[in-house]
Amino acid sequence: MTNPHSAFYAYIEYRIRYLIYKGFLELKGIPRSMRHYRVKLREK
């Protein structure tokens, strides 16, 4: 049986990566999985 929250976590990770690639967030670390990197708002 899968974790009922796995779809939610996958969606959150997808949205974070999308915002990183669009330039809204900055990434620090390796974008392997959410526990391997940190994000913050990009300063304008």
C-alpha atoms as a PDB file:
ATOM      1  CA  MET A   1       0.000   0.000   0.000  1.00  0.00           C
ATOM      2  CA  THR A   2       1.327   3.441  -0.883  1.00  0.00           C
ATOM      3  CA  ASN A   3       1.433   6.462   1.336  1.00  0.00           C
ATOM      4  CA  PRO A   4      -1.810   8.464   0.874  1.00  0.00           C
ATOM      5  CA  HIS A   5       0.223  11.666   0.968  1.00  0.00           C
ATOM      6  CA  SER A   6       2.667  10.662  -1.778  1.00  0.00           C
ATOM      7  CA  ALA A   7       0.632  12.370  -4.516  1.00  0.00           C
ATOM      8  CA  PHE A   8       0.562  15.564  -2.448  1.00  0.00           C
ATOM      9  CA  TYR A   9       4.336  15.470  -1.898  1.00  0.00           C
ATOM     10  CA  ALA A  10       4.932  14.816  -5.591  1.00  0.00           C
ATOM     11  CA  TYR A  11       2.772  17.820  -6.504  1.00  0.00           C
ATOM     12  CA  ILE A  12       4.556  20.094  -3.998  1.00  0.00           C
ATOM     13  CA  GLU A  13       7.959  19.030  -5.329  1.00  0.00           C
ATOM     14  CA  TYR A  14       6.770  19.611  -8.902  1.00  0.00           C
ATOM     15  CA  ARG A  15       5.573  23.141  -8.046  1.00  0.00           C
ATOM     16  CA  ILE A  16       8.804  24.001  -6.204  1.00  0.00           C
ATOM     17  CA  ARG A  17      10.898  22.844  -9.172  1.00  0.00           C
ATOM     18  CA  TYR A  18       8.680  24.820 -11.541  1.00  0.00           C
ATOM     19  CA  LEU A  19       9.178  27.995  -9.471  1.00  0.00           C
ATOM     20  CA  ILE A  20      12.944  27.377  -9.380  1.00  0.00           C
ATOM     21  CA  TYR A  21      13.140  26.980 -13.166  1.00  0.00           C
ATOM     22  CA  LYS A  22      11.003  30.103 -13.704  1.00  0.00           C
ATOM     23  CA  GLY A  23      13.305  32.128 -11.442  1.00  0.00           C
ATOM     24  CA  PHE A  24      10.990  32.808  -8.500  1.00  0.00           C
ATOM     25  CA  LEU A  25      12.978  30.662  -6.059  1.00  0.00           C
ATOM     26  CA  GLU A  26      16.681  30.050  -5.511  1.00  0.00           C
ATOM     27  CA  LEU A  27      18.048  26.565  -4.986  1.00  0.00           C
ATOM     28  CA  LYS A  28      20.867  25.536  -2.676  1.00  0.00           C
ATOM     29  CA  GLY A  29      21.934  21.916  -2.826  1.00  0.00           C
ATOM     30  CA  ILE A  30      21.329  19.069  -5.240  1.00  0.00           C
ATOM     31  CA  PRO A  31      17.819  18.825  -6.750  1.00  0.00           C
ATOM     32  CA  ARG A  32      17.706  15.064  -6.285  1.00  0.00           C
ATOM     33  CA  SER A  33      14.825  15.039  -3.833  1.00  0.00           C
ATOM     34  CA  MET A  34      13.298  17.601  -1.504  1.00  0.00           C
ATOM     35  CA  ARG A  35      15.454  16.589   1.441  1.00  0.00           C
ATOM     36  CA  HIS A  36      18.652  17.302  -0.535  1.00  0.00           C
ATOM     37  CA  TYR A  37      18.086  21.005  -1.217  1.00  0.00           C
ATOM     38  CA  ARG A  38      16.814  24.250   0.251  1.00  0.00           C
ATOM     39  CA  VAL A  39      14.894  27.004  -1.460  1.00  0.00           C
ATOM     40  CA  LYS A  40      14.345  30.669  -0.790  1.00  0.00           C
ATOM     41  CA  LEU A  41      12.682  33.556  -2.574  1.00  0.00           C
ATOM     42  CA  ARG A  42      14.896  35.138  -5.181  1.00  0.00           C
ATOM     43  CA  GLU A  43      15.757  38.747  -4.456  1.00  0.00           C
ATOM     44  CA  LYS A  44      14.926  41.174  -7.238  1.00  0.00           C
END
